Amino acid sequence: MQARHRDYKQQVMIMEDAGTPHEEMRKHLEEAQRAQQADAQIRGVLARILEQPAYDRLMNVRMSNQELYAKAVNGLVYMYKKAGRKITEQELLTLLNASVERKTGSIEIRRK
């Protein structure tokens, strides 16, 4: 048991001596924690400015398309400031449809 504890202490000392991997890991964990806190704050604001069905739909969008979610959040804050009331699901759908860039291209086949 003591040997195992001593080995662990040696490994910790080696990691602390190396410095960089341990520091990088700590920094990465701190960044992840800050990102989680920011996301929780955003969700809290969204819960206050959206009706429940709209909030649920937006959380589904968040799971499936992060880029669309980010665009929608920016638009929703603007809409809320302008309207001064909670945003409905229909208004959210209108915003989401406007945010989606539709690619309407055609395929042209040329034969020689």
PDB file of N, CA and C in Angstrom:
ATOM      1  N   MET A   1       0.824  -1.197   0.000  1.00  0.00           N
ATOM      2  CA  MET A   1       0.000   0.000   0.000  1.00  0.00           C
ATOM      3  C   MET A   1       0.859   1.247   0.000  1.00  0.00           C
ATOM      4  N   GLN A   2       1.904   1.264   0.846  1.00  0.00           N
ATOM      5  CA  GLN A   2       2.783   2.425   0.893  1.00  0.00           C
ATOM      6  C   GLN A   2       3.526   2.611  -0.424  1.00  0.00           C
ATOM      7  N   ALA A   3       3.913   1.516  -1.039  1.00  0.00           N
ATOM      8  CA  ALA A   3       4.623   1.606  -2.316  1.00  0.00           C
ATOM      9  C   ALA A   3       3.720   2.228  -3.375  1.00  0.00           C
ATOM     10  N   ARG A   4       2.485   1.844  -3.356  1.00  0.00           N
ATOM     11  CA  ARG A   4       1.530   2.374  -4.331  1.00  0.00           C
ATOM     12  C   ARG A   4       1.354   3.889  -4.122  1.00  0.00           C
ATOM     13  N   HIS A   5       1.234   4.307  -2.873  1.00  0.00           N
ATOM     14  CA  HIS A   5       1.086   5.723  -2.535  1.00  0.00           C
ATOM     15  C   HIS A   5       2.339   6.502  -2.946  1.00  0.00           C
ATOM     16  N   ARG A   6       3.510   5.903  -2.706  1.00  0.00           N
ATOM     17  CA  ARG A   6       4.769   6.545  -3.063  1.00  0.00           C
ATOM     18  C   ARG A   6       4.872   6.689  -4.588  1.00  0.00           C
ATOM     19  N   ASP A   7       4.450   5.655  -5.332  1.00  0.00           N
ATOM     20  CA  ASP A   7       4.468   5.729  -6.796  1.00  0.00           C
ATOM     21  C   ASP A   7       3.556   6.839  -7.295  1.00  0.00           C
ATOM     22  N   TYR A   8       2.396   6.962  -6.680  1.00  0.00           N
ATOM     23  CA  TYR A   8       1.455   8.007  -7.073  1.00  0.00           C
ATOM     24  C   TYR A   8       2.068   9.386  -6.831  1.00  0.00           C
ATOM     25  N   LYS A   9       2.688   9.561  -5.669  1.00  0.00           N
ATOM     26  CA  LYS A   9       3.329  10.847  -5.352  1.00  0.00           C
ATOM     27  C   LYS A   9       4.425  11.165  -6.357  1.00  0.00           C
ATOM     28  N   GLN A  10       5.191  10.156  -6.742  1.00  0.00           N
ATOM     29  CA  GLN A  10       6.248  10.371  -7.722  1.00  0.00           C
ATOM     30  C   GLN A  10       5.662  10.801  -9.060  1.00  0.00           C
ATOM     31  N   GLN A  11       4.580  10.162  -9.476  1.00  0.00           N
ATOM     32  CA  GLN A  11       3.936  10.537 -10.732  1.00  0.00           C
ATOM     33  C   GLN A  11       3.421  11.965 -10.682  1.00  0.00           C
ATOM     34  N   VAL A  12       2.833  12.346  -9.561  1.00  0.00           N
ATOM     35  CA  VAL A  12       2.339  13.705  -9.412  1.00  0.00           C
ATOM     36  C   VAL A  12       3.488  14.689  -9.489  1.00  0.00           C
ATOM     37  N   MET A  13       4.599  14.369  -8.819  1.00  0.00           N
ATOM     38  CA  MET A  13       5.764  15.252  -8.845  1.00  0.00           C
ATOM     39  C   MET A  13       6.322  15.373 -10.256  1.00  0.00           C
ATOM     40  N   ILE A  14       6.346  14.278 -10.989  1.00  0.00           N
ATOM     41  CA  ILE A  14       6.838  14.311 -12.368  1.00  0.00           C
ATOM     42  C   ILE A  14       5.936  15.192 -13.219  1.00  0.00           C
ATOM     43  N   MET A  15       4.621  15.044 -13.040  1.00  0.00           N
ATOM     44  CA  MET A  15       3.688  15.870 -13.809  1.00  0.00           C
ATOM     45  C   MET A  15       3.839  17.338 -13.446  1.00  0.00           C
ATOM     46  N   GLU A  16       4.055  17.638 -12.165  1.00  0.00           N
ATOM     47  CA  GLU A  16       4.218  19.027 -11.755  1.00  0.00           C
ATOM     48  C   GLU A  16       5.529  19.592 -12.264  1.00  0.00           C
ATOM     49  N   ASP A  17       6.565  18.762 -12.315  1.00  0.00           N
ATOM     50  CA  ASP A  17       7.843  19.216 -12.845  1.00  0.00           C
ATOM     51  C   ASP A  17       7.730  19.515 -14.334  1.00  0.00           C
ATOM     52  N   ALA A  18       7.007  18.669 -15.043  1.00  0.00           N
ATOM     53  CA  ALA A  18       6.840  18.888 -16.473  1.00  0.00           C
ATOM     54  C   ALA A  18       6.097  20.192 -16.718  1.00  0.00           C
ATOM     55  N   GLY A  19       5.126  20.493 -15.893  1.00  0.00           N
ATOM     56  CA  GLY A  19       4.437  21.779 -15.944  1.00  0.00           C
ATOM     57  C   GLY A  19       3.462  21.921 -17.083  1.00  0.00           C
ATOM     58  N   THR A  20       3.890  21.833 -18.298  1.00  0.00           N
ATOM     59  CA  THR A  20       3.033  22.177 -19.421  1.00  0.00           C
ATOM     60  C   THR A  20       1.800  21.293 -19.564  1.00  0.00           C
ATOM     61  N   PRO A  21       1.903  19.978 -19.563  1.00  0.00           N
ATOM     62  CA  PRO A  21       0.673  19.198 -19.740  1.00  0.00           C
ATOM     63  C   PRO A  21      -0.328  19.443 -18.608  1.00  0.00           C
ATOM     64  N   HIS A  22       0.181  19.536 -17.401  1.00  0.00           N
ATOM     65  CA  HIS A  22      -0.690  19.761 -16.256  1.00  0.00           C
ATOM     66  C   HIS A  22      -1.350  21.138 -16.348  1.00  0.00           C
ATOM     67  N   GLU A  23      -0.587  22.149 -16.692  1.00  0.00           N
ATOM     68  CA  GLU A  23      -1.107  23.508 -16.837  1.00  0.00           C
ATOM     69  C   GLU A  23      -2.117  23.586 -17.972  1.00  0.00           C
ATOM     70  N   GLU A  24      -1.791  22.952 -19.082  1.00  0.00           N
ATOM     71  CA  GLU A  24      -2.705  22.962 -20.235  1.00  0.00           C
ATOM     72  C   GLU A  24      -4.032  22.317 -19.865  1.00  0.00           C
ATOM     73  N   MET A  25      -3.968  21.223 -19.132  1.00  0.00           N
ATOM     74  CA  MET A  25      -5.183  20.530 -18.742  1.00  0.00           C
ATOM     75  C   MET A  25      -6.012  21.413 -17.813  1.00  0.00           C
ATOM     76  N   ARG A  26      -5.358  22.063 -16.874  1.00  0.00           N
ATOM     77  CA  ARG A  26      -6.061  22.939 -15.942  1.00  0.00           C
ATOM     78  C   ARG A  26      -6.708  24.091 -16.688  1.00  0.00           C
ATOM     79  N   LYS A  27      -5.980  24.693 -17.619  1.00  0.00           N
ATOM     80  CA  LYS A  27      -6.528  25.803 -18.405  1.00  0.00           C
ATOM     81  C   LYS A  27      -7.712  25.340 -19.242  1.00  0.00           C
ATOM     82  N   HIS A  28      -7.573  24.165 -19.818  1.00  0.00           N
ATOM     83  CA  HIS A  28      -8.659  23.622 -20.642  1.00  0.00           C
ATOM     84  C   HIS A  28      -9.907  23.390 -19.792  1.00  0.00           C
ATOM     85  N   LEU A  29      -9.729  22.859 -18.596  1.00  0.00           N
ATOM     86  CA  LEU A  29     -10.865  22.624 -17.703  1.00  0.00           C
ATOM     87  C   LEU A  29     -11.510  23.942 -17.280  1.00  0.00           C
ATOM     88  N   GLU A  30     -10.698  24.965 -17.013  1.00  0.00           N
ATOM     89  CA  GLU A  30     -11.245  26.268 -16.637  1.00  0.00           C
ATOM     90  C   GLU A  30     -12.040  26.881 -17.786  1.00  0.00           C
ATOM     91  N   GLU A  31     -11.520  26.751 -19.004  1.00  0.00           N
ATOM     92  CA  GLU A  31     -12.240  27.274 -20.167  1.00  0.00           C
ATOM     93  C   GLU A  31     -13.568  26.557 -20.351  1.00  0.00           C
ATOM     94  N   ALA A  32     -13.551  25.242 -20.184  1.00  0.00           N
ATOM     95  CA  ALA A  32     -14.786  24.463 -20.325  1.00  0.00           C
ATOM     96  C   ALA A  32     -15.807  24.869 -19.267  1.00  0.00           C
ATOM     97  N   GLN A  33     -15.320  25.122 -18.060  1.00  0.00           N
ATOM     98  CA  GLN A  33     -16.216  25.527 -16.984  1.00  0.00           C
ATOM     99  C   GLN A  33     -16.812  26.905 -17.259  1.00  0.00           C
ATOM    100  N   ARG A  34     -16.007  27.833 -17.764  1.00  0.00           N
ATOM    101  CA  ARG A  34     -16.519  29.163 -18.112  1.00  0.00           C
ATOM    102  C   ARG A  34     -17.548  29.072 -19.236  1.00  0.00           C
ATOM    103  N   ALA A  35     -17.291  28.210 -20.214  1.00  0.00           N
ATOM    104  CA  ALA A  35     -18.236  28.040 -21.315  1.00  0.00           C
ATOM    105  C   ALA A  35     -19.560  27.475 -20.811  1.00  0.00           C
ATOM    106  N   GLN A  36     -19.499  26.538 -19.880  1.00  0.00           N
ATOM    107  CA  GLN A  36     -20.725  25.975 -19.313  1.00  0.00           C
ATOM    108  C   GLN A  36     -21.509  27.028 -18.541  1.00  0.00           C
ATOM    109  N   GLN A  37     -20.818  27.865 -17.798  1.00  0.00           N
ATOM    110  CA  GLN A  37     -21.491  28.918 -17.045  1.00  0.00           C
ATOM    111  C   GLN A  37     -22.148  29.920 -17.983  1.00  0.00           C
ATOM    112  N   ALA A  38     -21.448  30.285 -19.056  1.00  0.00           N
ATOM    113  CA  ALA A  38     -22.014  31.225 -20.025  1.00  0.00           C
ATOM    114  C   ALA A  38     -23.243  30.621 -20.688  1.00  0.00           C
ATOM    115  N   ASP A  39     -23.168  29.341 -21.034  1.00  0.00           N
ATOM    116  CA  ASP A  39     -24.301  28.668 -21.670  1.00  0.00           C
ATOM    117  C   ASP A  39     -25.494  28.608 -20.719  1.00  0.00           C
ATOM    118  N   ALA A  40     -25.236  28.372 -19.438  1.00  0.00           N
ATOM    119  CA  ALA A  40     -26.319  28.335 -18.453  1.00  0.00           C
ATOM    120  C   ALA A  40     -26.973  29.714 -18.319  1.00  0.00           C
ATOM    121  N   GLN A  41     -26.186  30.769 -18.374  1.00  0.00           N
ATOM    122  CA  GLN A  41     -26.747  32.118 -18.310  1.00  0.00           C
ATOM    123  C   GLN A  41     -27.607  32.406 -19.534  1.00  0.00           C
ATOM    124  N   ILE A  42     -27.137  32.006 -20.700  1.00  0.00           N
ATOM    125  CA  ILE A  42     -27.900  32.221 -21.936  1.00  0.00           C
ATOM    126  C   ILE A  42     -29.222  31.468 -21.868  1.00  0.00           C
ATOM    127  N   ARG A  43     -29.182  30.218 -21.417  1.00  0.00           N
ATOM    128  CA  ARG A  43     -30.425  29.440 -21.313  1.00  0.00           C
ATOM    129  C   ARG A  43     -31.384  30.064 -20.313  1.00  0.00           C
ATOM    130  N   GLY A  44     -30.858  30.641 -19.240  1.00  0.00           N
ATOM    131  CA  GLY A  44     -31.705  31.317 -18.256  1.00  0.00           C
ATOM    132  C   GLY A  44     -32.416  32.514 -18.858  1.00  0.00           C
ATOM    133  N   VAL A  45     -31.691  33.295 -19.636  1.00  0.00           N
ATOM    134  CA  VAL A  45     -32.289  34.455 -20.307  1.00  0.00           C
ATOM    135  C   VAL A  45     -33.338  33.982 -21.306  1.00  0.00           C
ATOM    136  N   LEU A  46     -33.011  32.942 -22.066  1.00  0.00           N
ATOM    137  CA  LEU A  46     -33.957  32.429 -23.056  1.00  0.00           C
ATOM    138  C   LEU A  46     -35.233  31.916 -22.392  1.00  0.00           C
ATOM    139  N   ALA A  47     -35.101  31.291 -21.247  1.00  0.00           N
ATOM    140  CA  ALA A  47     -36.286  30.792 -20.531  1.00  0.00           C
ATOM    141  C   ALA A  47     -37.192  31.949 -20.123  1.00  0.00           C
ATOM    142  N   ARG A  48     -36.610  33.117 -19.868  1.00  0.00           N
ATOM    143  CA  ARG A  48     -37.416  34.278 -19.483  1.00  0.00           C
ATOM    144  C   ARG A  48     -38.053  34.984 -20.667  1.00  0.00           C
ATOM    145  N   ILE A  49     -37.406  34.936 -21.843  1.00  0.00           N
ATOM    146  CA  ILE A  49     -37.935  35.702 -22.979  1.00  0.00           C
ATOM    147  C   ILE A  49     -38.769  34.856 -23.941  1.00  0.00           C
ATOM    148  N   LEU A  50     -38.762  33.526 -23.761  1.00  0.00           N
ATOM    149  CA  LEU A  50     -39.521  32.646 -24.654  1.00  0.00           C
ATOM    150  C   LEU A  50     -40.649  31.960 -23.895  1.00  0.00           C
ATOM    151  N   GLU A  51     -41.753  31.723 -24.599  1.00  0.00           N
ATOM    152  CA  GLU A  51     -42.796  30.867 -24.040  1.00  0.00           C
ATOM    153  C   GLU A  51     -42.246  29.443 -24.007  1.00  0.00           C
ATOM    154  N   GLN A  52     -42.802  28.593 -23.157  1.00  0.00           N
ATOM    155  CA  GLN A  52     -42.248  27.251 -22.947  1.00  0.00           C
ATOM    156  C   GLN A  52     -42.146  26.418 -24.229  1.00  0.00           C
ATOM    157  N   PRO A  53     -43.184  26.372 -25.093  1.00  0.00           N
ATOM    158  CA  PRO A  53     -43.037  25.581 -26.328  1.00  0.00           C
ATOM    159  C   PRO A  53     -41.909  26.117 -27.227  1.00  0.00           C
ATOM    160  N   ALA A  54     -41.752  27.424 -27.261  1.00  0.00           N
ATOM    161  CA  ALA A  54     -40.680  28.020 -28.074  1.00  0.00           C
ATOM    162  C   ALA A  54     -39.326  27.670 -27.483  1.00  0.00           C
ATOM    163  N   TYR A  55     -39.218  27.710 -26.164  1.00  0.00           N
ATOM    164  CA  TYR A  55     -37.960  27.360 -25.498  1.00  0.00           C
ATOM    165  C   TYR A  55     -37.595  25.903 -25.778  1.00  0.00           C
ATOM    166  N   ASP A  56     -38.579  25.013 -25.671  1.00  0.00           N
ATOM    167  CA  ASP A  56     -38.329  23.593 -25.939  1.00  0.00           C
ATOM    168  C   ASP A  56     -37.851  23.384 -27.376  1.00  0.00           C
ATOM    169  N   ARG A  57     -38.487  24.051 -28.309  1.00  0.00           N
ATOM    170  CA  ARG A  57     -38.097  23.921 -29.714  1.00  0.00           C
ATOM    171  C   ARG A  57     -36.672  24.438 -29.921  1.00  0.00           C
ATOM    172  N   LEU A  58     -36.354  25.567 -29.304  1.00  0.00           N
ATOM    173  CA  LEU A  58     -35.016  26.140 -29.465  1.00  0.00           C
ATOM    174  C   LEU A  58     -33.958  25.206 -28.877  1.00  0.00           C
ATOM    175  N   MET A  59     -34.258  24.538 -27.783  1.00  0.00           N
ATOM    176  CA  MET A  59     -33.302  23.593 -27.205  1.00  0.00           C
ATOM    177  C   MET A  59     -33.095  22.392 -28.135  1.00  0.00           C
ATOM    178  N   ASN A  60     -34.138  22.004 -28.870  1.00  0.00           N
ATOM    179  CA  ASN A  60     -33.977  20.949 -29.878  1.00  0.00           C
ATOM    180  C   ASN A  60     -33.072  21.425 -31.006  1.00  0.00           C
ATOM    181  N   VAL A  61     -33.241  22.669 -31.412  1.00  0.00           N
ATOM    182  CA  VAL A  61     -32.384  23.238 -32.452  1.00  0.00           C
ATOM    183  C   VAL A  61     -30.944  23.267 -31.950  1.00  0.00           C
ATOM    184  N   ARG A  62     -30.775  23.623 -30.695  1.00  0.00           N
ATOM    185  CA  ARG A  62     -29.433  23.693 -30.097  1.00  0.00           C
ATOM    186  C   ARG A  62     -28.725  22.342 -30.184  1.00  0.00           C
ATOM    187  N   MET A  63     -29.474  21.279 -29.965  1.00  0.00           N
ATOM    188  CA  MET A  63     -28.884  19.935 -30.012  1.00  0.00           C
ATOM    189  C   MET A  63     -28.506  19.530 -31.436  1.00  0.00           C
ATOM    190  N   SER A  64     -29.274  19.991 -32.399  1.00  0.00           N
ATOM    191  CA  SER A  64     -29.051  19.518 -33.763  1.00  0.00           C
ATOM    192  C   SER A  64     -28.234  20.456 -34.634  1.00  0.00           C
ATOM    193  N   ASN A  65     -28.261  21.766 -34.356  1.00  0.00           N
ATOM    194  CA  ASN A  65     -27.567  22.699 -35.244  1.00  0.00           C
ATOM    195  C   ASN A  65     -27.080  23.913 -34.443  1.00  0.00           C
ATOM    196  N   GLN A  66     -25.837  23.856 -33.984  1.00  0.00           N
ATOM    197  CA  GLN A  66     -25.277  24.914 -33.142  1.00  0.00           C
ATOM    198  C   GLN A  66     -25.223  26.261 -33.857  1.00  0.00           C
ATOM    199  N   GLU A  67     -24.921  26.252 -35.134  1.00  0.00           N
ATOM    200  CA  GLU A  67     -24.816  27.505 -35.894  1.00  0.00           C
ATOM    201  C   GLU A  67     -26.171  28.200 -35.988  1.00  0.00           C
ATOM    202  N   LEU A  68     -27.207  27.456 -36.296  1.00  0.00           N
ATOM    203  CA  LEU A  68     -28.552  28.014 -36.372  1.00  0.00           C
ATOM    204  C   LEU A  68     -29.007  28.506 -35.004  1.00  0.00           C
ATOM    205  N   TYR A  69     -28.666  27.766 -33.958  1.00  0.00           N
ATOM    206  CA  TYR A  69     -28.996  28.153 -32.593  1.00  0.00           C
ATOM    207  C   TYR A  69     -28.375  29.508 -32.253  1.00  0.00           C
ATOM    208  N   ALA A  70     -27.105  29.692 -32.598  1.00  0.00           N
ATOM    209  CA  ALA A  70     -26.415  30.954 -32.302  1.00  0.00           C
ATOM    210  C   ALA A  70     -27.071  32.117 -33.038  1.00  0.00           C
ATOM    211  N   LYS A  71     -27.426  31.908 -34.303  1.00  0.00           N
ATOM    212  CA  LYS A  71     -28.107  32.957 -35.063  1.00  0.00           C
ATOM    213  C   LYS A  71     -29.458  33.289 -34.435  1.00  0.00           C
ATOM    214  N   ALA A  72     -30.176  32.255 -34.036  1.00  0.00           N
ATOM    215  CA  ALA A  72     -31.505  32.451 -33.462  1.00  0.00           C
ATOM    216  C   ALA A  72     -31.433  33.202 -32.139  1.00  0.00           C
ATOM    217  N   VAL A  73     -30.447  32.892 -31.308  1.00  0.00           N
ATOM    218  CA  VAL A  73     -30.315  33.561 -30.010  1.00  0.00           C
ATOM    219  C   VAL A  73     -30.128  35.059 -30.217  1.00  0.00           C
ATOM    220  N   ASN A  74     -29.261  35.424 -31.137  1.00  0.00           N
ATOM    221  CA  ASN A  74     -29.041  36.852 -31.409  1.00  0.00           C
ATOM    222  C   ASN A  74     -30.324  37.527 -31.888  1.00  0.00           C
ATOM    223  N   GLY A  75     -31.039  36.862 -32.783  1.00  0.00           N
ATOM    224  CA  GLY A  75     -32.288  37.413 -33.297  1.00  0.00           C
ATOM    225  C   GLY A  75     -33.368  37.502 -32.231  1.00  0.00           C
ATOM    226  N   LEU A  76     -33.406  36.531 -31.339  1.00  0.00           N
ATOM    227  CA  LEU A  76     -34.428  36.509 -30.293  1.00  0.00           C
ATOM    228  C   LEU A  76     -34.249  37.652 -29.297  1.00  0.00           C
ATOM    229  N   VAL A  77     -33.017  37.939 -28.954  1.00  0.00           N
ATOM    230  CA  VAL A  77     -32.768  39.046 -28.024  1.00  0.00           C
ATOM    231  C   VAL A  77     -33.242  40.349 -28.655  1.00  0.00           C
ATOM    232  N   TYR A  78     -32.951  40.532 -29.926  1.00  0.00           N
ATOM    233  CA  TYR A  78     -33.398  41.730 -30.642  1.00  0.00           C
ATOM    234  C   TYR A  78     -34.928  41.785 -30.690  1.00  0.00           C
ATOM    235  N   MET A  79     -35.553  40.642 -31.022  1.00  0.00           N
ATOM    236  CA  MET A  79     -37.018  40.602 -31.102  1.00  0.00           C
ATOM    237  C   MET A  79     -37.659  40.926 -29.750  1.00  0.00           C
ATOM    238  N   TYR A  80     -37.097  40.399 -28.689  1.00  0.00           N
ATOM    239  CA  TYR A  80     -37.647  40.622 -27.360  1.00  0.00           C
ATOM    240  C   TYR A  80     -37.549  42.099 -26.976  1.00  0.00           C
ATOM    241  N   LYS A  81     -36.415  42.703 -27.263  1.00  0.00           N
ATOM    242  CA  LYS A  81     -36.255  44.125 -26.942  1.00  0.00           C
ATOM    243  C   LYS A  81     -37.258  44.966 -27.724  1.00  0.00           C
ATOM    244  N   LYS A  82     -37.502  44.574 -28.955  1.00  0.00           N
ATOM    245  CA  LYS A  82     -38.425  45.325 -29.809  1.00  0.00           C
ATOM    246  C   LYS A  82     -39.878  45.099 -29.390  1.00  0.00           C
ATOM    247  N   ALA A  83     -40.250  43.857 -29.095  1.00  0.00           N
ATOM    248  CA  ALA A  83     -41.637  43.521 -28.773  1.00  0.00           C
ATOM    249  C   ALA A  83     -41.970  43.812 -27.304  1.00  0.00           C
ATOM    250  N   GLY A  84     -41.033  43.586 -26.412  1.00  0.00           N
ATOM    251  CA  GLY A  84     -41.279  43.829 -25.002  1.00  0.00           C
ATOM    252  C   GLY A  84     -42.157  42.782 -24.341  1.00  0.00           C
ATOM    253  N   ARG A  85     -42.268  41.620 -24.935  1.00  0.00           N
ATOM    254  CA  ARG A  85     -43.064  40.522 -24.374  1.00  0.00           C
ATOM    255  C   ARG A  85     -42.405  39.198 -24.749  1.00  0.00           C
ATOM    256  N   LYS A  86     -42.926  38.109 -24.196  1.00  0.00           N
ATOM    257  CA  LYS A  86     -42.355  36.797 -24.502  1.00  0.00           C
ATOM    258  C   LYS A  86     -42.574  36.443 -25.969  1.00  0.00           C
ATOM    259  N   ILE A  87     -41.619  35.741 -26.523  1.00  0.00           N
ATOM    260  CA  ILE A  87     -41.668  35.332 -27.924  1.00  0.00           C
ATOM    261  C   ILE A  87     -42.417  33.999 -28.014  1.00  0.00           C
ATOM    262  N   THR A  88     -43.344  33.905 -28.965  1.00  0.00           N
ATOM    263  CA  THR A  88     -44.125  32.685 -29.140  1.00  0.00           C
ATOM    264  C   THR A  88     -43.383  31.691 -30.025  1.00  0.00           C
ATOM    265  N   GLU A  89     -43.892  30.482 -30.057  1.00  0.00           N
ATOM    266  CA  GLU A  89     -43.277  29.450 -30.896  1.00  0.00           C
ATOM    267  C   GLU A  89     -43.398  29.818 -32.375  1.00  0.00           C
ATOM    268  N   GLN A  90     -44.523  30.389 -32.770  1.00  0.00           N
ATOM    269  CA  GLN A  90     -44.707  30.771 -34.169  1.00  0.00           C
ATOM    270  C   GLN A  90     -43.689  31.843 -34.574  1.00  0.00           C
ATOM    271  N   GLU A  91     -43.443  32.795 -33.691  1.00  0.00           N
ATOM    272  CA  GLU A  91     -42.447  33.832 -33.989  1.00  0.00           C
ATOM    273  C   GLU A  91     -41.044  33.225 -34.068  1.00  0.00           C
ATOM    274  N   LEU A  92     -40.768  32.252 -33.211  1.00  0.00           N
ATOM    275  CA  LEU A  92     -39.481  31.564 -33.266  1.00  0.00           C
ATOM    276  C   LEU A  92     -39.327  30.826 -34.589  1.00  0.00           C
ATOM    277  N   LEU A  93     -40.383  30.133 -35.015  1.00  0.00           N
ATOM    278  CA  LEU A  93     -40.328  29.419 -36.289  1.00  0.00           C
ATOM    279  C   LEU A  93     -40.074  30.373 -37.454  1.00  0.00           C
ATOM    280  N   THR A  94     -40.710  31.533 -37.421  1.00  0.00           N
ATOM    281  CA  THR A  94     -40.486  32.531 -38.466  1.00  0.00           C
ATOM    282  C   THR A  94     -39.026  32.956 -38.483  1.00  0.00           C
ATOM    283  N   LEU A  95     -38.471  33.207 -37.305  1.00  0.00           N
ATOM    284  CA  LEU A  95     -37.067  33.604 -37.197  1.00  0.00           C
ATOM    285  C   LEU A  95     -36.141  32.491 -37.685  1.00  0.00           C
ATOM    286  N   LEU A  96     -36.429  31.257 -37.301  1.00  0.00           N
ATOM    287  CA  LEU A  96     -35.591  30.135 -37.727  1.00  0.00           C
ATOM    288  C   LEU A  96     -35.632  29.944 -39.232  1.00  0.00           C
ATOM    289  N   ASN A  97     -36.830  30.047 -39.819  1.00  0.00           N
ATOM    290  CA  ASN A  97     -36.946  29.907 -41.269  1.00  0.00           C
ATOM    291  C   ASN A  97     -36.192  31.009 -41.996  1.00  0.00           C
ATOM    292  N   ALA A  98     -36.204  32.208 -41.447  1.00  0.00           N
ATOM    293  CA  ALA A  98     -35.473  33.315 -42.066  1.00  0.00           C
ATOM    294  C   ALA A  98     -33.964  33.126 -41.911  1.00  0.00           C
ATOM    295  N   SER A  99     -33.540  32.453 -40.844  1.00  0.00           N
ATOM    296  CA  SER A  99     -32.110  32.266 -40.586  1.00  0.00           C
ATOM    297  C   SER A  99     -31.492  31.161 -41.423  1.00  0.00           C
ATOM    298  N   VAL A 100     -32.317  30.230 -41.865  1.00  0.00           N
ATOM    299  CA  VAL A 100     -31.806  29.104 -42.642  1.00  0.00           C
ATOM    300  C   VAL A 100     -31.499  29.583 -44.050  1.00  0.00           C
ATOM    301  N   GLU A 101     -30.273  29.349 -44.448  1.00  0.00           N
ATOM    302  CA  GLU A 101     -29.883  29.723 -45.804  1.00  0.00           C
ATOM    303  C   GLU A 101     -30.218  28.555 -46.722  1.00  0.00           C
ATOM    304  N   ARG A 102     -31.124  28.802 -47.578  1.00  0.00           N
ATOM    305  CA  ARG A 102     -31.527  27.752 -48.516  1.00  0.00           C
ATOM    306  C   ARG A 102     -30.625  27.805 -49.745  1.00  0.00           C
ATOM    307  N   LYS A 103     -30.086  26.674 -50.086  1.00  0.00           N
ATOM    308  CA  LYS A 103     -29.239  26.597 -51.269  1.00  0.00           C
ATOM    309  C   LYS A 103     -30.101  26.110 -52.418  1.00  0.00           C
ATOM    310  N   THR A 104     -30.381  27.001 -53.315  1.00  0.00           N
ATOM    311  CA  THR A 104     -31.182  26.628 -54.477  1.00  0.00           C
ATOM    312  C   THR A 104     -30.275  26.691 -55.689  1.00  0.00           C
ATOM    313  N   GLY A 105     -29.664  25.613 -55.935  1.00  0.00           N
ATOM    314  CA  GLY A 105     -28.776  25.526 -57.082  1.00  0.00           C
ATOM    315  C   GLY A 105     -29.321  24.513 -58.063  1.00  0.00           C
ATOM    316  N   SER A 106     -28.723  24.474 -59.173  1.00  0.00           N
ATOM    317  CA  SER A 106     -29.150  23.492 -60.160  1.00  0.00           C
ATOM    318  C   SER A 106     -27.931  22.707 -60.612  1.00  0.00           C
ATOM    319  N   ILE A 107     -28.183  21.520 -61.010  1.00  0.00           N
ATOM    320  CA  ILE A 107     -27.120  20.663 -61.518  1.00  0.00           C
ATOM    321  C   ILE A 107     -27.232  20.652 -63.028  1.00  0.00           C
ATOM    322  N   GLU A 108     -26.152  20.969 -63.647  1.00  0.00           N
ATOM    323  CA  GLU A 108     -26.141  21.040 -65.103  1.00  0.00           C
ATOM    324  C   GLU A 108     -25.253  19.925 -65.617  1.00  0.00           C
ATOM    325  N   ILE A 109     -25.799  19.092 -66.472  1.00  0.00           N
ATOM    326  CA  ILE A 109     -25.044  17.979 -67.032  1.00  0.00           C
ATOM    327  C   ILE A 109     -24.792  18.273 -68.515  1.00  0.00           C
ATOM    328  N   ARG A 110     -23.548  18.258 -68.857  1.00  0.00           N
ATOM    329  CA  ARG A 110     -23.168  18.506 -70.254  1.00  0.00           C
ATOM    330  C   ARG A 110     -22.626  17.214 -70.843  1.00  0.00           C
ATOM    331  N   ARG A 111     -23.128  16.887 -71.978  1.00  0.00           N
ATOM    332  CA  ARG A 111     -22.660  15.683 -72.657  1.00  0.00           C
ATOM    333  C   ARG A 111     -21.805  16.074 -73.843  1.00  0.00           C
ATOM    334  N   LYS A 112     -20.775  15.316 -74.033  1.00  0.00           N
ATOM    335  CA  LYS A 112     -19.865  15.620 -75.146  1.00  0.00           C
ATOM    336  C   LYS A 112     -20.219  14.827 -76.378  1.00  0.00           C
TER     337      LYS A 112
END
